[in-house]
């Protein structure tokens, strides 16, 4: 089962054709505007929801599972209210269980592996937060670095826990995150072998 994940990073839109060719597709936040009818949609950016609430509430999500990772009582206080889309099933509980790492990319990859049973994940638009990212314009470099490290650790744990899953990064994807994930996965494997050895 090949599951394609389309994020909103710079490598996303140029590689969307690779994602469309997968058995299942997962979109995240704004990438729903590139592939409007995915198999699953992960939304965890309350500012994006609030800015597009009218469009969401009139959009027909046919056969699409929605995983909402927005916490409405988040201490940062930027979620006004949860997203509600007609009669569509929204997985609040599962999103809470799968949403680890405080990035929507972590949630999407966990859904691909643990919900859809992916044997291969094809990734585009999950790049990490660099100095040229949108997030860097509103947050400090240290904050971006911490988010990258935190997400990379969660993803490295997934790599180690599910060694049979193949991770295919599209051209340009994972520019910042991929090397951190590989480094942390190697450290985890080394620690596990020392414990077991």
Protein backbone atom coordinates (compact mmCIF):
# COMPACT_ATOMS: atom_id res chain seq x y z
CA UNK A 1 0.00 0.00 0.00
CA UNK A 2 1.60 3.25 -1.19
CA UNK A 3 0.34 6.30 0.68
CA UNK A 4 1.20 9.73 -0.67
CA UNK A 5 1.40 12.70 1.69
CA UNK A 6 1.20 16.23 0.36
CA UNK A 7 2.28 19.04 2.66
CA UNK A 8 2.34 22.77 2.13
CA UNK A 9 6.12 23.19 1.92
CA UNK A 10 7.98 24.32 -1.21
CA UNK A 11 8.47 20.75 -2.47
CA UNK A 12 4.72 20.03 -2.36
CA UNK A 13 3.07 21.43 -5.47
CA UNK A 14 5.91 20.56 -7.91
CA UNK A 15 5.60 16.90 -6.85
CA UNK A 16 1.82 16.56 -6.50
CA UNK A 17 1.67 14.22 -9.53
CA UNK A 18 3.72 11.65 -7.55
CA UNK A 19 1.22 11.84 -4.69
CA UNK A 20 -1.80 11.43 -6.99
CA UNK A 21 -0.37 8.13 -8.30
CA UNK A 22 -0.39 6.49 -4.85
CA UNK A 23 -3.06 4.07 -3.57
CA UNK A 24 -4.13 6.56 -0.88
CA UNK A 25 -3.55 10.29 -0.56
CA UNK A 26 -3.30 12.47 2.52
CA UNK A 27 -3.39 16.27 2.36
CA UNK A 28 -2.40 18.66 5.12
CA UNK A 29 -3.74 22.14 5.82
CA UNK A 30 -3.50 24.28 2.64
CA UNK A 31 -2.47 21.40 0.34
CA UNK A 32 -6.19 20.51 0.14
CA UNK A 33 -6.27 23.31 -2.45
CA UNK A 34 -3.86 21.30 -4.65
CA UNK A 35 -5.52 17.87 -4.28
CA UNK A 36 -9.10 18.70 -3.30
CA UNK A 37 -10.38 15.11 -2.85
CA UNK A 38 -7.80 13.13 -0.85
CA UNK A 39 -8.54 9.95 1.09
CA UNK A 40 -7.64 11.72 4.33
CA UNK A 41 -7.18 15.32 5.33
CA UNK A 42 -5.10 16.40 8.32
CA UNK A 43 -5.81 19.88 9.56
CA UNK A 44 -3.89 21.30 12.48
CA UNK A 45 -3.38 24.97 11.68
CA UNK A 46 -6.10 26.97 13.42
CA UNK A 47 -5.13 30.15 11.59
CA UNK A 48 -5.67 28.36 8.26
CA UNK A 49 -9.04 27.03 9.43
CA UNK A 50 -10.18 30.43 10.66
CA UNK A 51 -9.09 32.16 7.46
CA UNK A 52 -10.92 29.60 5.30
CA UNK A 53 -13.84 28.59 7.52
CA UNK A 54 -16.57 29.56 5.03
CA UNK A 55 -14.91 27.55 2.26
CA UNK A 56 -14.51 24.52 4.53
CA UNK A 57 -18.08 24.56 5.71
CA UNK A 58 -19.44 24.55 2.15
CA UNK A 59 -16.85 22.13 0.72
CA UNK A 60 -18.12 18.63 -0.11
CA UNK A 61 -15.63 16.19 1.35
CA UNK A 62 -16.73 12.98 -0.36
CA UNK A 63 -15.29 9.75 1.07
CA UNK A 64 -12.61 11.78 2.86
CA UNK A 65 -11.59 11.08 6.43
CA UNK A 66 -10.71 14.21 8.35
CA UNK A 67 -8.22 14.20 11.21
CA UNK A 68 -8.34 17.43 13.14
CA UNK A 69 -5.40 18.14 15.41
CA UNK A 70 -6.50 21.60 16.47
CA UNK A 71 -6.66 22.07 20.21
CA UNK A 72 -9.17 24.82 20.92
CA UNK A 73 -7.91 25.57 24.41
CA UNK A 74 -4.29 25.72 23.29
CA UNK A 75 -2.27 28.12 25.50
CA UNK A 76 -1.24 30.11 22.41
CA UNK A 77 -4.95 30.81 22.01
CA UNK A 78 -5.06 30.96 18.23
CA UNK A 79 -7.90 28.50 17.59
CA UNK A 80 -11.28 30.17 17.78
CA UNK A 81 -13.37 26.99 17.51
CA UNK A 82 -13.06 23.50 16.02
CA UNK A 83 -13.80 22.80 12.38
CA UNK A 84 -17.20 21.30 11.58
CA UNK A 85 -17.96 20.09 8.08
CA UNK A 86 -21.56 18.99 7.58
CA UNK A 87 -22.14 15.30 8.22
CA UNK A 88 -18.55 14.32 7.47
CA UNK A 89 -16.91 12.12 10.08
CA UNK A 90 -14.15 14.02 11.86
CA UNK A 91 -11.73 11.97 13.94
CA UNK A 92 -11.12 14.08 17.04
CA UNK A 93 -10.10 11.22 19.32
CA UNK A 94 -7.85 9.56 16.76
CA UNK A 95 -6.24 12.88 15.91
CA UNK A 96 -5.42 13.36 19.59
CA UNK A 97 -3.93 9.87 19.73
CA UNK A 98 -1.93 10.32 16.52
CA UNK A 99 -0.99 13.98 16.92
CA UNK A 100 2.44 13.77 18.46
CA UNK A 101 5.21 16.15 17.58
CA UNK A 102 3.09 19.28 17.28
CA UNK A 103 3.40 19.30 13.52
CA UNK A 104 0.74 18.22 11.08
CA UNK A 105 3.40 16.30 9.11
CA UNK A 106 3.96 13.96 12.05
CA UNK A 107 0.21 13.40 12.30
CA UNK A 108 -0.09 12.66 8.56
CA UNK A 109 2.80 10.17 8.53
CA UNK A 110 1.43 8.39 11.59
CA UNK A 111 -1.98 8.13 9.90
CA UNK A 112 -0.35 6.72 6.75
CA UNK A 113 1.48 4.03 8.72
CA UNK A 114 -0.87 3.26 11.60
CA UNK A 115 -4.30 3.95 10.09
CA UNK A 116 -3.84 3.03 6.42
CA UNK A 117 -1.14 0.38 6.95
CA UNK A 118 1.28 1.87 4.44
CA UNK A 119 4.15 -0.27 3.21
CA UNK A 120 5.57 2.80 1.45
CA UNK A 121 4.99 6.48 2.09
CA UNK A 122 5.69 9.02 -0.64
CA UNK A 123 6.37 12.44 0.85
CA UNK A 124 6.20 15.90 -0.75
CA UNK A 125 5.87 19.27 0.93
CA UNK A 126 7.16 18.18 4.35
CA UNK A 127 10.42 20.06 4.32
CA UNK A 128 11.05 21.51 7.78
CA UNK A 129 11.22 25.13 8.82
CA UNK A 130 14.24 27.00 7.46
CA UNK A 131 15.17 30.68 7.42
CA UNK A 132 13.15 31.16 4.22
CA UNK A 133 9.96 29.46 5.51
CA UNK A 134 6.73 31.32 6.23
CA UNK A 135 7.00 30.33 9.87
CA UNK A 136 10.42 31.96 10.18
CA UNK A 137 8.84 35.32 9.40
CA UNK A 138 6.72 35.16 12.58
CA UNK A 139 8.83 32.97 14.89
CA UNK A 140 12.43 33.05 16.09
CA UNK A 141 15.11 30.84 14.46
CA UNK A 142 15.45 29.00 17.78
CA UNK A 143 11.71 28.21 17.82
CA UNK A 144 11.89 26.87 14.23
CA UNK A 145 14.92 24.76 15.11
CA UNK A 146 13.15 23.30 18.16
CA UNK A 147 10.06 22.42 16.09
CA UNK A 148 12.30 20.75 13.47
CA UNK A 149 14.10 18.76 16.19
CA UNK A 150 10.87 17.75 17.91
CA UNK A 151 9.18 16.64 14.68
CA UNK A 152 12.32 14.82 13.52
CA UNK A 153 12.50 12.85 16.77
CA UNK A 154 8.85 11.77 16.46
CA UNK A 155 9.44 10.75 12.82
CA UNK A 156 12.70 8.96 13.69
CA UNK A 157 10.79 6.92 16.29
CA UNK A 158 8.26 5.96 13.60
CA UNK A 159 11.09 4.88 11.27
CA UNK A 160 12.62 2.71 13.97
CA UNK A 161 9.27 1.28 15.15
CA UNK A 162 8.17 0.44 11.59
CA UNK A 163 11.40 -0.62 9.83
CA UNK A 164 9.60 -2.36 6.96
CA UNK A 165 7.92 0.86 5.77
CA UNK A 166 9.77 2.46 2.85
CA UNK A 167 10.08 6.26 3.00
CA UNK A 168 10.29 7.84 -0.47
CA UNK A 169 11.06 11.56 -0.44
CA UNK A 170 10.11 13.44 -3.62
CA UNK A 171 12.61 15.83 -5.15
CA UNK A 172 13.36 18.66 -2.72
CA UNK A 173 11.24 17.18 0.09
CA UNK A 174 12.70 16.89 3.58
CA UNK A 175 15.41 19.41 2.76
CA UNK A 176 15.82 20.29 6.44
CA UNK A 177 14.01 17.44 8.22
CA UNK A 178 15.38 14.38 6.41
CA UNK A 179 19.00 14.60 7.65
CA UNK A 180 17.83 15.26 11.22
CA UNK A 181 15.46 12.27 11.04
CA UNK A 182 18.24 10.01 9.73
CA UNK A 183 20.65 11.16 12.46
CA UNK A 184 18.09 10.63 15.23
CA UNK A 185 16.98 7.25 13.83
CA UNK A 186 20.62 6.08 13.81
CA UNK A 187 21.02 7.22 17.44
CA UNK A 188 17.82 5.39 18.45
CA UNK A 189 18.89 2.18 16.68
CA UNK A 190 22.30 2.39 18.38
CA UNK A 191 20.68 2.89 21.80
CA UNK A 192 18.30 -0.04 21.22
CA UNK A 193 21.14 -2.36 20.13
CA UNK A 194 23.13 -1.44 23.26
CA UNK A 195 20.11 -2.19 25.48
CA UNK A 196 19.42 -5.48 23.70
CA UNK A 197 23.10 -6.40 23.36
